[in-house]
Amino acid sequence: MDTDLIELIGDEHISTATDTPLRKDAFKKTDEEKIEIIEHHFAEIMQTLGLDLTDDSLSGTPYRVAKMYVKEIFCGLNPANKPKLGVFENKYGCHKMLVEKNITLHSNCEHHFVPIPGKVHVAYIPADKVIGLSKINRIVQYYAQRPQVQERLSLQIANELKTALQTIDVAVYIDAKHLCVSTRGVKDESSSTITTMYCGQFKKTETRNEFLKYITN
């Protein structure tokens, strides 16, 4: 790839796909096999940087990083780790807005593999189904635990909720900081990025403003 294009995509945080780009054979290897391969290659990275891997503090770093990638911060890549969603009949006949705000976000930028910390606010208007509150947080965590672009993350969370709840009346609001902006490149530590996804009734100004009032108070 042209290095100018590589820099452009990374610095402008351009997304090239609405789904996380995955190869068809992404899950043929076991987690243990992936950890072993990543451990080897990360050791090569550290050695190339000139680090002494015989030092007690550094000797285990390749394994720790590999395990962290596969089992923790990128475990959302594997559909086997998708949370089971507790969805129930709306027996109360409640059709008022439900808001889950200030959900802690820990994701990683797919352009530089550095953290994206922030907050996620989610709302939906129940139709025939309702969902357990903790499951909303787990949906956010699942899609956050992969290399991400914030716009895509907003879309993936909204689509998952629409599918689970069988309604289009869903809103997602993400306010996050990008360490690829604050620690490199322009090095702007004060800015944050807001992305929104308004579907169904949330496209109406009155409904959207009600949601925004709840998450800003």
N, C-alpha and C. Protein backbone atom coordinates (compact mmCIF):
# COMPACT_ATOMS: atom_id res chain seq x y z
N MET A 1 0.84 -1.19 0.00
CA MET A 1 0.00 0.00 0.00
C MET A 1 0.88 1.25 0.00
N ASP A 2 0.45 2.29 -0.69
CA ASP A 2 1.14 3.57 -0.74
C ASP A 2 1.26 4.13 0.68
N THR A 3 2.49 4.50 1.10
CA THR A 3 2.67 5.01 2.46
C THR A 3 1.90 6.30 2.71
N ASP A 4 1.72 7.12 1.67
CA ASP A 4 0.92 8.34 1.84
C ASP A 4 -0.53 8.00 2.16
N LEU A 5 -1.06 6.95 1.52
CA LEU A 5 -2.43 6.51 1.80
C LEU A 5 -2.52 5.91 3.20
N ILE A 6 -1.49 5.17 3.59
CA ILE A 6 -1.45 4.59 4.94
C ILE A 6 -1.54 5.71 5.99
N GLU A 7 -0.76 6.75 5.82
CA GLU A 7 -0.78 7.87 6.76
C GLU A 7 -2.11 8.59 6.73
N LEU A 8 -2.68 8.77 5.54
CA LEU A 8 -3.95 9.48 5.41
C LEU A 8 -5.06 8.75 6.15
N ILE A 9 -5.17 7.44 5.92
CA ILE A 9 -6.21 6.66 6.58
C ILE A 9 -6.04 6.71 8.09
N GLY A 10 -4.80 6.57 8.56
CA GLY A 10 -4.55 6.56 10.00
C GLY A 10 -4.80 7.90 10.65
N ASP A 11 -4.29 8.98 10.07
CA ASP A 11 -4.42 10.30 10.68
C ASP A 11 -5.84 10.85 10.57
N GLU A 12 -6.55 10.48 9.53
CA GLU A 12 -7.92 10.97 9.36
C GLU A 12 -8.95 10.00 9.95
N HIS A 13 -8.47 8.85 10.46
CA HIS A 13 -9.36 7.86 11.11
C HIS A 13 -10.49 7.43 10.17
N ILE A 14 -10.10 7.08 8.98
CA ILE A 14 -11.07 6.70 7.95
C ILE A 14 -11.45 5.24 8.11
N SER A 15 -12.75 4.98 8.09
CA SER A 15 -13.25 3.61 8.14
C SER A 15 -13.54 3.12 6.73
N THR A 16 -13.12 1.91 6.43
CA THR A 16 -13.32 1.38 5.08
C THR A 16 -14.40 0.30 5.02
N ALA A 17 -14.99 -0.06 6.20
CA ALA A 17 -16.00 -1.12 6.21
C ALA A 17 -16.94 -0.91 7.39
N THR A 18 -18.22 -1.26 7.21
CA THR A 18 -19.19 -1.15 8.30
C THR A 18 -19.11 -2.34 9.23
N ASP A 19 -18.59 -3.47 8.75
CA ASP A 19 -18.32 -4.62 9.60
C ASP A 19 -16.83 -4.69 9.89
N THR A 20 -16.47 -5.26 11.03
CA THR A 20 -15.06 -5.44 11.33
C THR A 20 -14.40 -6.30 10.26
N PRO A 21 -13.36 -5.83 9.59
CA PRO A 21 -12.73 -6.61 8.51
C PRO A 21 -12.06 -7.88 9.07
N LEU A 22 -12.60 -9.02 8.71
CA LEU A 22 -12.07 -10.31 9.17
C LEU A 22 -11.87 -11.24 7.98
N ARG A 23 -10.80 -12.03 8.03
CA ARG A 23 -10.59 -13.06 7.02
C ARG A 23 -11.54 -14.23 7.27
N LYS A 24 -11.79 -15.00 6.23
CA LYS A 24 -12.70 -16.14 6.35
C LYS A 24 -12.15 -17.22 7.28
N ASP A 25 -10.82 -17.28 7.39
CA ASP A 25 -10.20 -18.30 8.24
C ASP A 25 -9.80 -17.74 9.61
N ALA A 26 -10.48 -16.67 10.04
CA ALA A 26 -10.08 -15.95 11.25
C ALA A 26 -10.10 -16.81 12.51
N PHE A 27 -10.92 -17.86 12.52
CA PHE A 27 -11.09 -18.63 13.76
C PHE A 27 -10.71 -20.10 13.60
N LYS A 28 -9.89 -20.39 12.59
CA LYS A 28 -9.41 -21.77 12.42
C LYS A 28 -8.37 -22.12 13.48
N LYS A 29 -7.59 -21.13 13.90
CA LYS A 29 -6.59 -21.37 14.94
C LYS A 29 -7.26 -21.24 16.31
N THR A 30 -6.81 -22.03 17.26
CA THR A 30 -7.29 -21.92 18.64
C THR A 30 -6.68 -20.68 19.29
N ASP A 31 -7.25 -20.28 20.41
CA ASP A 31 -6.69 -19.14 21.14
C ASP A 31 -5.25 -19.41 21.54
N GLU A 32 -4.97 -20.63 21.95
CA GLU A 32 -3.61 -20.98 22.37
C GLU A 32 -2.63 -20.87 21.21
N GLU A 33 -3.05 -21.31 20.02
CA GLU A 33 -2.19 -21.19 18.85
C GLU A 33 -1.94 -19.72 18.50
N LYS A 34 -2.97 -18.91 18.61
CA LYS A 34 -2.81 -17.48 18.31
C LYS A 34 -1.87 -16.82 19.30
N ILE A 35 -2.01 -17.17 20.58
CA ILE A 35 -1.13 -16.60 21.61
C ILE A 35 0.32 -16.95 21.32
N GLU A 36 0.57 -18.20 20.94
CA GLU A 36 1.95 -18.63 20.66
C GLU A 36 2.54 -17.85 19.49
N ILE A 37 1.75 -17.67 18.43
CA ILE A 37 2.24 -16.96 17.24
C ILE A 37 2.49 -15.48 17.55
N ILE A 38 1.53 -14.84 18.24
CA ILE A 38 1.68 -13.42 18.58
C ILE A 38 2.86 -13.22 19.52
N GLU A 39 3.03 -14.14 20.47
CA GLU A 39 4.16 -14.05 21.40
C GLU A 39 5.48 -14.03 20.63
N HIS A 40 5.61 -14.92 19.66
CA HIS A 40 6.84 -14.98 18.86
C HIS A 40 7.08 -13.66 18.13
N HIS A 41 6.04 -13.16 17.46
CA HIS A 41 6.22 -11.96 16.64
C HIS A 41 6.39 -10.71 17.50
N PHE A 42 5.75 -10.67 18.66
CA PHE A 42 5.94 -9.49 19.51
C PHE A 42 7.35 -9.47 20.11
N ALA A 43 7.89 -10.65 20.37
CA ALA A 43 9.28 -10.72 20.81
C ALA A 43 10.20 -10.16 19.74
N GLU A 44 9.89 -10.46 18.46
CA GLU A 44 10.69 -9.92 17.35
C GLU A 44 10.58 -8.39 17.31
N ILE A 45 9.40 -7.86 17.57
CA ILE A 45 9.22 -6.41 17.60
C ILE A 45 10.08 -5.79 18.70
N MET A 46 10.02 -6.40 19.89
CA MET A 46 10.79 -5.86 21.01
C MET A 46 12.29 -5.92 20.75
N GLN A 47 12.73 -7.02 20.15
CA GLN A 47 14.15 -7.16 19.84
C GLN A 47 14.58 -6.15 18.78
N THR A 48 13.71 -5.92 17.80
CA THR A 48 14.01 -4.93 16.77
C THR A 48 14.14 -3.54 17.37
N LEU A 49 13.36 -3.25 18.40
CA LEU A 49 13.45 -1.96 19.08
C LEU A 49 14.71 -1.85 19.95
N GLY A 50 15.39 -2.97 20.12
CA GLY A 50 16.64 -2.96 20.88
C GLY A 50 16.49 -3.34 22.34
N LEU A 51 15.32 -3.86 22.71
CA LEU A 51 15.09 -4.23 24.11
C LEU A 51 15.74 -5.58 24.44
N ASP A 52 16.19 -5.71 25.68
CA ASP A 52 16.88 -6.92 26.13
C ASP A 52 15.86 -7.88 26.75
N LEU A 53 15.50 -8.92 26.03
CA LEU A 53 14.48 -9.86 26.49
C LEU A 53 15.02 -10.84 27.53
N THR A 54 16.29 -10.75 27.86
CA THR A 54 16.80 -11.58 28.97
C THR A 54 16.56 -10.90 30.31
N ASP A 55 16.16 -9.63 30.29
CA ASP A 55 15.86 -8.92 31.53
C ASP A 55 14.59 -9.49 32.14
N ASP A 56 14.58 -9.69 33.46
CA ASP A 56 13.44 -10.30 34.12
C ASP A 56 12.15 -9.53 33.90
N SER A 57 12.22 -8.21 33.83
CA SER A 57 11.02 -7.39 33.65
C SER A 57 10.43 -7.53 32.26
N LEU A 58 11.28 -7.81 31.25
CA LEU A 58 10.83 -7.85 29.86
C LEU A 58 10.62 -9.26 29.31
N SER A 59 11.21 -10.26 29.97
CA SER A 59 11.21 -11.60 29.39
C SER A 59 9.81 -12.17 29.18
N GLY A 60 8.88 -11.81 30.05
CA GLY A 60 7.52 -12.34 29.92
C GLY A 60 6.57 -11.45 29.15
N THR A 61 7.05 -10.29 28.71
CA THR A 61 6.18 -9.33 28.04
C THR A 61 5.55 -9.87 26.75
N PRO A 62 6.31 -10.55 25.87
CA PRO A 62 5.66 -11.07 24.65
C PRO A 62 4.47 -11.98 24.94
N TYR A 63 4.60 -12.85 25.94
CA TYR A 63 3.48 -13.73 26.29
C TYR A 63 2.34 -12.93 26.88
N ARG A 64 2.65 -11.98 27.77
CA ARG A 64 1.59 -11.20 28.40
C ARG A 64 0.81 -10.39 27.37
N VAL A 65 1.53 -9.79 26.42
CA VAL A 65 0.85 -9.02 25.37
C VAL A 65 -0.02 -9.93 24.51
N ALA A 66 0.52 -11.08 24.13
CA ALA A 66 -0.23 -12.02 23.28
C ALA A 66 -1.50 -12.49 23.98
N LYS A 67 -1.38 -12.84 25.25
CA LYS A 67 -2.55 -13.28 26.01
C LYS A 67 -3.57 -12.15 26.15
N MET A 68 -3.09 -10.93 26.40
CA MET A 68 -3.97 -9.77 26.51
C MET A 68 -4.73 -9.54 25.21
N TYR A 69 -4.03 -9.62 24.09
CA TYR A 69 -4.68 -9.41 22.79
C TYR A 69 -5.81 -10.44 22.57
N VAL A 70 -5.51 -11.69 22.78
CA VAL A 70 -6.45 -12.76 22.42
C VAL A 70 -7.56 -12.93 23.45
N LYS A 71 -7.21 -12.89 24.72
CA LYS A 71 -8.16 -13.22 25.78
C LYS A 71 -8.88 -12.01 26.36
N GLU A 72 -8.33 -10.80 26.12
CA GLU A 72 -8.91 -9.64 26.77
C GLU A 72 -9.31 -8.56 25.76
N ILE A 73 -8.38 -7.68 25.39
CA ILE A 73 -8.79 -6.47 24.69
C ILE A 73 -9.31 -6.70 23.27
N PHE A 74 -9.01 -7.86 22.66
CA PHE A 74 -9.54 -8.15 21.33
C PHE A 74 -10.40 -9.42 21.31
N CYS A 75 -10.88 -9.83 22.49
CA CYS A 75 -11.68 -11.06 22.54
C CYS A 75 -13.03 -10.89 21.86
N GLY A 76 -13.47 -9.66 21.62
CA GLY A 76 -14.73 -9.42 20.93
C GLY A 76 -14.69 -9.76 19.45
N LEU A 77 -13.51 -10.07 18.92
CA LEU A 77 -13.43 -10.51 17.53
C LEU A 77 -14.06 -11.89 17.34
N ASN A 78 -14.01 -12.70 18.38
CA ASN A 78 -14.48 -14.09 18.27
C ASN A 78 -15.95 -14.18 18.61
N PRO A 79 -16.80 -14.60 17.67
CA PRO A 79 -18.24 -14.69 17.95
C PRO A 79 -18.56 -15.68 19.06
N ALA A 80 -17.64 -16.57 19.38
CA ALA A 80 -17.87 -17.49 20.51
C ALA A 80 -17.95 -16.73 21.82
N ASN A 81 -17.42 -15.52 21.87
CA ASN A 81 -17.45 -14.72 23.09
C ASN A 81 -18.63 -13.75 23.13
N LYS A 82 -19.50 -13.82 22.15
CA LYS A 82 -20.67 -12.93 22.12
C LYS A 82 -21.58 -13.24 23.31
N PRO A 83 -22.00 -12.22 24.05
CA PRO A 83 -22.83 -12.48 25.24
C PRO A 83 -24.20 -13.03 24.86
N LYS A 84 -24.72 -13.90 25.70
CA LYS A 84 -26.09 -14.39 25.53
C LYS A 84 -27.03 -13.32 26.06
N LEU A 85 -27.93 -12.87 25.24
CA LEU A 85 -28.76 -11.72 25.59
C LEU A 85 -30.06 -12.17 26.24
N GLY A 86 -30.29 -11.65 27.43
CA GLY A 86 -31.53 -11.95 28.15
C GLY A 86 -32.64 -11.04 27.69
N VAL A 87 -33.41 -11.49 26.72
CA VAL A 87 -34.52 -10.71 26.17
C VAL A 87 -35.84 -11.35 26.63
N PHE A 88 -36.78 -10.51 27.09
CA PHE A 88 -38.03 -11.01 27.65
C PHE A 88 -39.22 -10.33 27.01
N GLU A 89 -40.37 -10.97 27.14
CA GLU A 89 -41.61 -10.37 26.65
C GLU A 89 -41.91 -9.10 27.43
N ASN A 90 -42.41 -8.12 26.75
CA ASN A 90 -42.78 -6.85 27.37
C ASN A 90 -44.17 -6.99 28.00
N LYS A 91 -44.23 -7.76 29.08
CA LYS A 91 -45.53 -8.08 29.70
C LYS A 91 -46.16 -6.87 30.39
N TYR A 92 -45.33 -5.88 30.73
CA TYR A 92 -45.88 -4.69 31.39
C TYR A 92 -46.51 -3.73 30.38
N GLY A 93 -46.26 -3.99 29.11
CA GLY A 93 -46.80 -3.09 28.09
C GLY A 93 -46.16 -1.71 28.15
N CYS A 94 -44.90 -1.66 28.59
CA CYS A 94 -44.18 -0.39 28.70
C CYS A 94 -43.64 0.03 27.34
N HIS A 95 -43.99 1.22 26.93
CA HIS A 95 -43.50 1.72 25.64
C HIS A 95 -42.85 3.09 25.81
N LYS A 96 -42.31 3.30 27.02
CA LYS A 96 -41.59 4.54 27.30
C LYS A 96 -40.09 4.31 27.11
N MET A 97 -39.38 5.37 26.87
CA MET A 97 -37.94 5.28 26.61
C MET A 97 -37.18 4.73 27.81
N LEU A 98 -36.27 3.82 27.55
CA LEU A 98 -35.34 3.32 28.56
C LEU A 98 -33.94 3.77 28.16
N VAL A 99 -33.22 4.36 29.13
CA VAL A 99 -31.89 4.89 28.86
C VAL A 99 -30.89 4.24 29.80
N GLU A 100 -29.80 3.74 29.26
CA GLU A 100 -28.66 3.26 30.03
C GLU A 100 -27.50 4.18 29.67
N LYS A 101 -27.10 5.03 30.62
CA LYS A 101 -26.09 6.04 30.29
C LYS A 101 -24.80 5.80 31.06
N ASN A 102 -23.75 6.46 30.58
CA ASN A 102 -22.42 6.40 31.21
C ASN A 102 -21.86 4.99 31.28
N ILE A 103 -22.08 4.21 30.25
CA ILE A 103 -21.46 2.89 30.15
C ILE A 103 -19.98 3.10 29.83
N THR A 104 -19.11 2.50 30.65
CA THR A 104 -17.67 2.69 30.45
C THR A 104 -17.21 2.01 29.17
N LEU A 105 -16.48 2.76 28.36
CA LEU A 105 -15.95 2.25 27.09
C LEU A 105 -14.45 2.10 27.17
N HIS A 106 -13.96 0.91 26.86
CA HIS A 106 -12.53 0.66 26.66
C HIS A 106 -12.40 -0.08 25.33
N SER A 107 -11.95 0.64 24.31
CA SER A 107 -11.74 0.01 23.02
C SER A 107 -10.34 0.37 22.54
N ASN A 108 -10.01 -0.03 21.30
CA ASN A 108 -8.70 0.26 20.73
C ASN A 108 -8.84 0.65 19.26
N CYS A 109 -8.10 1.66 18.88
CA CYS A 109 -8.13 2.17 17.51
C CYS A 109 -7.51 1.14 16.56
N GLU A 110 -8.20 0.84 15.47
CA GLU A 110 -7.68 -0.15 14.54
C GLU A 110 -6.54 0.39 13.68
N HIS A 111 -6.32 1.69 13.70
CA HIS A 111 -5.26 2.28 12.88
C HIS A 111 -3.90 2.27 13.59
N HIS A 112 -3.91 2.37 14.94
CA HIS A 112 -2.65 2.42 15.67
C HIS A 112 -2.60 1.47 16.86
N PHE A 113 -3.71 0.76 17.12
CA PHE A 113 -3.78 -0.18 18.25
C PHE A 113 -3.45 0.51 19.57
N VAL A 114 -4.02 1.69 19.78
CA VAL A 114 -3.92 2.38 21.07
C VAL A 114 -5.32 2.61 21.61
N PRO A 115 -5.46 2.85 22.93
CA PRO A 115 -6.79 2.86 23.54
C PRO A 115 -7.72 3.97 23.08
N ILE A 116 -9.02 3.65 23.16
CA ILE A 116 -10.11 4.60 22.99
C ILE A 116 -10.96 4.51 24.26
N PRO A 117 -10.71 5.35 25.27
CA PRO A 117 -11.57 5.36 26.45
C PRO A 117 -12.71 6.35 26.29
N GLY A 118 -13.84 6.04 26.92
CA GLY A 118 -14.96 6.97 26.81
C GLY A 118 -16.20 6.47 27.51
N LYS A 119 -17.33 7.07 27.14
CA LYS A 119 -18.63 6.70 27.69
C LYS A 119 -19.61 6.45 26.54
N VAL A 120 -20.49 5.48 26.78
CA VAL A 120 -21.54 5.15 25.81
C VAL A 120 -22.89 5.33 26.48
N HIS A 121 -23.81 5.96 25.77
CA HIS A 121 -25.18 6.13 26.25
C HIS A 121 -26.10 5.44 25.24
N VAL A 122 -27.00 4.61 25.73
CA VAL A 122 -27.86 3.80 24.87
C VAL A 122 -29.30 3.98 25.32
N ALA A 123 -30.21 4.04 24.37
CA ALA A 123 -31.63 4.10 24.70
C ALA A 123 -32.43 3.28 23.69
N TYR A 124 -33.59 2.82 24.14
CA TYR A 124 -34.53 2.17 23.22
C TYR A 124 -35.95 2.36 23.74
N ILE A 125 -36.89 2.26 22.83
CA ILE A 125 -38.30 2.31 23.17
C ILE A 125 -38.86 0.91 22.96
N PRO A 126 -39.29 0.22 24.02
CA PRO A 126 -39.69 -1.18 23.89
C PRO A 126 -40.90 -1.35 22.97
N ALA A 127 -40.86 -2.44 22.22
CA ALA A 127 -42.02 -2.89 21.45
C ALA A 127 -42.55 -4.14 22.15
N ASP A 128 -42.27 -5.31 21.60
CA ASP A 128 -42.73 -6.56 22.22
C ASP A 128 -41.70 -7.17 23.17
N LYS A 129 -40.44 -6.67 23.11
CA LYS A 129 -39.37 -7.26 23.90
C LYS A 129 -38.67 -6.21 24.76
N VAL A 130 -38.14 -6.66 25.90
CA VAL A 130 -37.25 -5.83 26.72
C VAL A 130 -36.00 -6.66 27.00
N ILE A 131 -34.94 -5.98 27.40
CA ILE A 131 -33.67 -6.65 27.60
C ILE A 131 -33.16 -6.38 29.01
N GLY A 132 -32.48 -7.34 29.61
CA GLY A 132 -31.85 -7.13 30.91
C GLY A 132 -30.84 -6.00 30.84
N LEU A 133 -30.84 -5.14 31.84
CA LEU A 133 -30.00 -3.94 31.78
C LEU A 133 -28.52 -4.26 31.60
N SER A 134 -28.02 -5.25 32.32
CA SER A 134 -26.59 -5.57 32.22
C SER A 134 -26.21 -6.05 30.83
N LYS A 135 -27.19 -6.57 30.09
CA LYS A 135 -26.89 -7.07 28.74
C LYS A 135 -26.55 -5.93 27.79
N ILE A 136 -27.09 -4.74 28.06
CA ILE A 136 -26.74 -3.59 27.22
C ILE A 136 -25.26 -3.28 27.39
N ASN A 137 -24.80 -3.30 28.66
CA ASN A 137 -23.37 -3.07 28.91
C ASN A 137 -22.52 -4.14 28.23
N ARG A 138 -22.98 -5.38 28.27
CA ARG A 138 -22.20 -6.46 27.69
C ARG A 138 -22.14 -6.35 26.16
N ILE A 139 -23.20 -5.86 25.54
CA ILE A 139 -23.18 -5.62 24.10
C ILE A 139 -22.11 -4.59 23.77
N VAL A 140 -22.09 -3.51 24.54
CA VAL A 140 -21.08 -2.46 24.33
C VAL A 140 -19.68 -3.03 24.49
N GLN A 141 -19.46 -3.80 25.56
CA GLN A 141 -18.14 -4.37 25.81
C GLN A 141 -17.72 -5.33 24.69
N TYR A 142 -18.66 -6.14 24.24
CA TYR A 142 -18.32 -7.13 23.21
C TYR A 142 -17.83 -6.46 21.93
N TYR A 143 -18.53 -5.46 21.46
CA TYR A 143 -18.13 -4.81 20.21
C TYR A 143 -16.95 -3.86 20.42
N ALA A 144 -16.75 -3.40 21.68
CA ALA A 144 -15.60 -2.54 21.96
C ALA A 144 -14.31 -3.34 22.00
N GLN A 145 -14.40 -4.63 22.34
CA GLN A 145 -13.20 -5.45 22.52
C GLN A 145 -12.73 -6.03 21.19
N ARG A 146 -12.38 -5.12 20.31
CA ARG A 146 -11.82 -5.45 19.00
C ARG A 146 -11.20 -4.17 18.45
N PRO A 147 -10.29 -4.26 17.50
CA PRO A 147 -9.80 -3.03 16.86
C PRO A 147 -10.99 -2.30 16.23
N GLN A 148 -11.13 -1.01 16.55
CA GLN A 148 -12.38 -0.34 16.20
C GLN A 148 -12.16 1.02 15.54
N VAL A 149 -13.23 1.45 14.89
CA VAL A 149 -13.44 2.82 14.46
C VAL A 149 -14.74 3.25 15.15
N GLN A 150 -14.76 4.43 15.74
CA GLN A 150 -15.88 4.81 16.60
C GLN A 150 -17.22 4.82 15.85
N GLU A 151 -17.21 5.26 14.61
CA GLU A 151 -18.46 5.26 13.84
C GLU A 151 -19.00 3.85 13.67
N ARG A 152 -18.11 2.90 13.40
CA ARG A 152 -18.53 1.51 13.23
C ARG A 152 -19.06 0.94 14.55
N LEU A 153 -18.39 1.27 15.64
CA LEU A 153 -18.83 0.79 16.95
C LEU A 153 -20.25 1.25 17.24
N SER A 154 -20.55 2.51 16.96
CA SER A 154 -21.91 3.03 17.17
C SER A 154 -22.93 2.22 16.37
N LEU A 155 -22.59 1.93 15.13
CA LEU A 155 -23.49 1.18 14.25
C LEU A 155 -23.67 -0.25 14.73
N GLN A 156 -22.58 -0.91 15.14
CA GLN A 156 -22.66 -2.30 15.57
C GLN A 156 -23.51 -2.45 16.83
N ILE A 157 -23.35 -1.54 17.78
CA ILE A 157 -24.16 -1.59 18.99
C ILE A 157 -25.64 -1.39 18.66
N ALA A 158 -25.93 -0.40 17.82
CA ALA A 158 -27.32 -0.13 17.45
C ALA A 158 -27.94 -1.32 16.71
N ASN A 159 -27.21 -1.90 15.77
CA ASN A 159 -27.75 -3.02 15.00
C ASN A 159 -28.02 -4.24 15.88
N GLU A 160 -27.12 -4.49 16.84
CA GLU A 160 -27.30 -5.63 17.74
C GLU A 160 -28.55 -5.45 18.60
N LEU A 161 -28.76 -4.25 19.09
CA LEU A 161 -29.95 -3.98 19.90
C LEU A 161 -31.22 -4.08 19.07
N LYS A 162 -31.19 -3.56 17.87
CA LYS A 162 -32.38 -3.64 17.01
C LYS A 162 -32.75 -5.09 16.72
N THR A 163 -31.74 -5.92 16.48
CA THR A 163 -31.99 -7.34 16.20
C THR A 163 -32.55 -8.04 17.43
N ALA A 164 -31.91 -7.81 18.58
CA ALA A 164 -32.32 -8.49 19.81
C ALA A 164 -33.71 -8.07 20.27
N LEU A 165 -33.99 -6.79 20.16
CA LEU A 165 -35.25 -6.25 20.68
C LEU A 165 -36.38 -6.24 19.66
N GLN A 166 -36.04 -6.54 18.41
CA GLN A 166 -37.03 -6.55 17.34
C GLN A 166 -37.76 -5.21 17.24
N THR A 167 -36.95 -4.15 17.30
CA THR A 167 -37.47 -2.79 17.15
C THR A 167 -36.40 -1.93 16.50
N ILE A 168 -36.81 -0.91 15.78
CA ILE A 168 -35.84 0.01 15.19
C ILE A 168 -35.65 1.25 16.06
N ASP A 169 -36.40 1.34 17.16
CA ASP A 169 -36.37 2.55 17.99
C ASP A 169 -35.21 2.48 18.99
N VAL A 170 -34.02 2.75 18.48
CA VAL A 170 -32.79 2.61 19.24
C VAL A 170 -31.91 3.83 19.00
N ALA A 171 -31.20 4.25 20.08
CA ALA A 171 -30.24 5.35 19.96
C ALA A 171 -28.94 4.98 20.65
N VAL A 172 -27.83 5.38 20.04
CA VAL A 172 -26.50 5.15 20.62
C VAL A 172 -25.71 6.46 20.50
N TYR A 173 -25.09 6.86 21.61
CA TYR A 173 -24.31 8.10 21.67
C TYR A 173 -22.98 7.76 22.34
N ILE A 174 -21.88 8.00 21.64
CA ILE A 174 -20.55 7.69 22.18
C ILE A 174 -19.71 8.97 22.24
N ASP A 175 -19.14 9.20 23.40
CA ASP A 175 -18.21 10.32 23.60
C ASP A 175 -16.89 9.71 24.08
N ALA A 176 -15.86 9.79 23.25
CA ALA A 176 -14.62 9.08 23.55
C ALA A 176 -13.39 9.91 23.19
N LYS A 177 -12.30 9.59 23.87
CA LYS A 177 -11.00 10.18 23.55
C LYS A 177 -10.18 9.15 22.79
N HIS A 178 -9.39 9.62 21.85
CA HIS A 178 -8.57 8.72 21.04
C HIS A 178 -7.10 9.00 21.34
N LEU A 179 -6.43 8.00 21.91
CA LEU A 179 -5.03 8.21 22.25
C LEU A 179 -4.14 8.36 21.01
N CYS A 180 -4.65 7.93 19.86
CA CYS A 180 -3.89 8.16 18.63
C CYS A 180 -3.94 9.64 18.24
N VAL A 181 -4.86 10.40 18.84
CA VAL A 181 -4.90 11.85 18.65
C VAL A 181 -4.14 12.56 19.77
N SER A 182 -4.29 12.07 21.01
CA SER A 182 -3.72 12.78 22.16
C SER A 182 -2.26 12.46 22.43
N THR A 183 -1.78 11.28 22.01
CA THR A 183 -0.40 10.89 22.34
C THR A 183 0.53 10.85 21.14
N ARG A 184 0.01 11.05 19.94
CA ARG A 184 0.84 11.06 18.74
C ARG A 184 0.19 12.01 17.73
N GLY A 185 0.81 12.16 16.58
CA GLY A 185 0.22 13.01 15.55
C GLY A 185 0.04 14.44 16.07
N VAL A 186 -1.19 14.92 16.07
CA VAL A 186 -1.49 16.30 16.47
C VAL A 186 -1.30 16.52 17.97
N LYS A 187 -1.34 15.45 18.77
CA LYS A 187 -1.14 15.49 20.22
C LYS A 187 -2.07 16.50 20.90
N ASP A 188 -3.35 16.40 20.60
CA ASP A 188 -4.36 17.24 21.23
C ASP A 188 -5.00 16.45 22.37
N GLU A 189 -4.68 16.85 23.60
CA GLU A 189 -5.13 16.10 24.77
C GLU A 189 -6.53 16.49 25.23
N SER A 190 -7.07 17.60 24.74
CA SER A 190 -8.33 18.09 25.26
C SER A 190 -9.56 17.67 24.45
N SER A 191 -9.36 17.27 23.21
CA SER A 191 -10.51 16.99 22.34
C SER A 191 -11.07 15.60 22.59
N SER A 192 -12.36 15.46 22.31
CA SER A 192 -13.00 14.15 22.32
C SER A 192 -13.86 14.04 21.07
N THR A 193 -14.27 12.82 20.76
CA THR A 193 -15.05 12.56 19.55
C THR A 193 -16.43 12.04 19.94
N ILE A 194 -17.46 12.60 19.33
CA ILE A 194 -18.83 12.17 19.58
C ILE A 194 -19.39 11.58 18.29
N THR A 195 -19.95 10.38 18.41
CA THR A 195 -20.67 9.77 17.30
C THR A 195 -22.05 9.36 17.80
N THR A 196 -23.02 9.42 16.90
CA THR A 196 -24.40 9.09 17.28
C THR A 196 -25.02 8.17 16.23
N MET A 197 -25.99 7.40 16.69
CA MET A 197 -26.79 6.58 15.79
C MET A 197 -28.23 6.67 16.27
N TYR A 198 -29.07 7.34 15.49
CA TYR A 198 -30.48 7.52 15.84
C TYR A 198 -31.33 6.76 14.84
N CYS A 199 -32.15 5.85 15.36
CA CYS A 199 -32.97 5.00 14.50
C CYS A 199 -34.44 5.10 14.92
N GLY A 200 -35.34 4.87 13.96
CA GLY A 200 -36.76 4.86 14.26
C GLY A 200 -37.25 6.17 14.84
N GLN A 201 -37.93 6.09 16.00
CA GLN A 201 -38.52 7.28 16.61
C GLN A 201 -37.47 8.30 17.04
N PHE A 202 -36.22 7.85 17.22
CA PHE A 202 -35.17 8.77 17.66
C PHE A 202 -34.74 9.73 16.56
N LYS A 203 -35.21 9.52 15.35
CA LYS A 203 -34.97 10.48 14.29
C LYS A 203 -35.86 11.72 14.44
N LYS A 204 -36.92 11.59 15.26
CA LYS A 204 -37.80 12.72 15.53
C LYS A 204 -37.13 13.65 16.54
N THR A 205 -37.21 14.93 16.28
CA THR A 205 -36.53 15.92 17.12
C THR A 205 -36.96 15.82 18.58
N GLU A 206 -38.24 15.66 18.83
CA GLU A 206 -38.74 15.62 20.21
C GLU A 206 -38.18 14.42 20.97
N THR A 207 -38.20 13.25 20.35
CA THR A 207 -37.70 12.04 20.99
C THR A 207 -36.20 12.13 21.20
N ARG A 208 -35.50 12.59 20.20
CA ARG A 208 -34.05 12.72 20.30
C ARG A 208 -33.66 13.71 21.40
N ASN A 209 -34.36 14.82 21.50
CA ASN A 209 -34.06 15.81 22.54
C ASN A 209 -34.34 15.27 23.94
N GLU A 210 -35.38 14.44 24.07
CA GLU A 210 -35.65 13.81 25.36
C GLU A 210 -34.47 12.93 25.77
N PHE A 211 -33.96 12.14 24.84
CA PHE A 211 -32.80 11.29 25.09
C PHE A 211 -31.59 12.12 25.50
N LEU A 212 -31.31 13.18 24.75
CA LEU A 212 -30.16 14.02 25.02
C LEU A 212 -30.28 14.70 26.38
N LYS A 213 -31.50 15.04 26.77
CA LYS A 213 -31.72 15.67 28.08
C LYS A 213 -31.34 14.69 29.19
N TYR A 214 -31.71 13.41 29.03
CA TYR A 214 -31.41 12.42 30.05
C TYR A 214 -29.90 12.20 30.21
N ILE A 215 -29.17 12.19 29.11
CA ILE A 215 -27.75 11.83 29.20
C ILE A 215 -26.86 13.02 29.54
N THR A 216 -27.39 14.22 29.46
CA THR A 216 -26.58 15.40 29.78
C THR A 216 -26.87 15.95 31.16
N ASN A 217 -27.91 15.45 31.83
CA ASN A 217 -28.24 15.90 33.19
C ASN A 217 -27.58 15.04 34.24
